[in-house]
Protein backbone atom coordinates (compact mmCIF):
# COMPACT_ATOMS: atom_id res chain seq x y z
CA LYS A 1 0.10 0.04 -0.01
CA LYS A 2 1.12 3.50 -0.71
CA GLY A 3 3.59 4.75 1.98
CA SER A 4 4.84 1.24 2.85
CA ARG A 5 8.50 0.40 3.23
CA VAL A 6 9.62 -2.97 1.82
CA VAL A 7 12.56 -5.19 1.24
CA VAL A 8 12.76 -6.79 -2.24
CA ILE A 9 13.96 -10.37 -1.88
CA ASP A 10 14.77 -12.68 -4.80
CA ASP A 11 16.61 -16.02 -5.27
CA VAL A 12 19.16 -15.02 -7.85
CA ALA A 13 20.39 -11.77 -9.35
CA THR A 14 21.94 -11.82 -12.96
CA SER A 15 21.60 -8.67 -14.83
CA GLY A 16 19.31 -7.07 -12.29
CA ALA A 17 16.65 -6.36 -14.85
CA SER A 18 13.71 -8.08 -13.05
CA LEU A 19 14.93 -6.39 -9.66
CA ILE A 20 14.92 -2.99 -11.29
CA GLU A 21 11.51 -3.61 -12.85
CA THR A 22 10.12 -4.56 -9.53
CA ILE A 23 11.64 -1.60 -7.73
CA LEU A 24 10.38 0.85 -10.32
CA SER A 25 6.88 -0.63 -10.16
CA LEU A 26 6.90 -0.27 -6.46
CA ARG A 27 7.96 3.27 -6.69
CA LYS A 28 5.22 4.18 -8.98
CA LYS A 29 2.83 2.89 -6.41
CA GLY A 30 4.33 5.11 -3.73
CA ILE A 31 6.12 2.29 -2.05
CA LYS A 32 9.59 2.83 -0.60
CA VAL A 33 12.21 0.05 -1.29
CA LYS A 34 14.59 -0.03 1.68
CA MET A 35 16.69 -2.78 0.77
CA VAL A 36 17.41 -5.43 -2.08
CA VAL A 37 18.50 -8.85 -1.04
CA VAL A 38 19.05 -12.01 -3.04
CA LEU A 39 20.30 -15.54 -2.13
CA VAL A 40 22.87 -15.71 -4.96
CA ASP A 41 24.58 -12.77 -7.00
CA ARG A 42 25.75 -14.31 -10.33
CA ASN A 43 28.18 -11.29 -10.62
CA GLU A 44 26.86 -10.44 -14.14
CA GLY A 45 25.99 -6.77 -13.54
CA ALA A 46 23.07 -6.52 -11.17
CA LYS A 47 25.07 -4.94 -8.34
CA GLU A 48 26.34 -2.20 -10.62
CA ARG A 49 22.94 -1.57 -12.31
CA LEU A 50 21.18 -1.27 -8.98
CA ARG A 51 23.80 1.12 -7.65
CA LYS A 52 23.01 3.34 -10.70
CA ILE A 53 19.45 3.75 -9.47
CA GLY A 54 20.59 4.20 -5.91
CA TYR A 55 20.33 0.74 -4.26
CA LYS A 56 23.06 -1.61 -2.75
CA LEU A 57 22.47 -5.28 -3.53
CA TYR A 58 22.99 -7.51 -0.65
CA SER A 59 23.70 -11.08 -1.38
CA ILE A 60 23.90 -14.20 0.86
CA PHE A 61 26.32 -15.90 -1.53
CA ASN A 62 27.85 -15.09 -4.87
CA ILE A 63 28.48 -17.38 -7.75
CA GLU A 64 32.25 -17.71 -6.67
CA ASP A 65 31.17 -19.37 -3.46
CA PHE A 66 29.63 -22.31 -5.59
CA ARG A 67 32.61 -22.46 -7.84
CA LYS A 68 35.08 -22.76 -5.09
CA ARG A 69 33.12 -25.78 -3.91
CA GLN A 70 32.78 -27.13 -7.49
CA LEU A 71 29.06 -26.94 -7.33
CA VAL A 72 28.59 -24.98 -10.57
């Protein structure tokens, strides 16, 4: 609802396009995004693109965490 403050949470960030689309949609509705969190950042530009529109991307893991363990 208008005036709400939210955290956007997603499983994986790649380019950041879907996260940015979500943020812009929420802004249009008068909802303030306080934080953006993903489980895995694939290190393919999402962090940089979100920074350009004023948000820091927080991730629990990045793709390198899985490569080190040979899971990817």
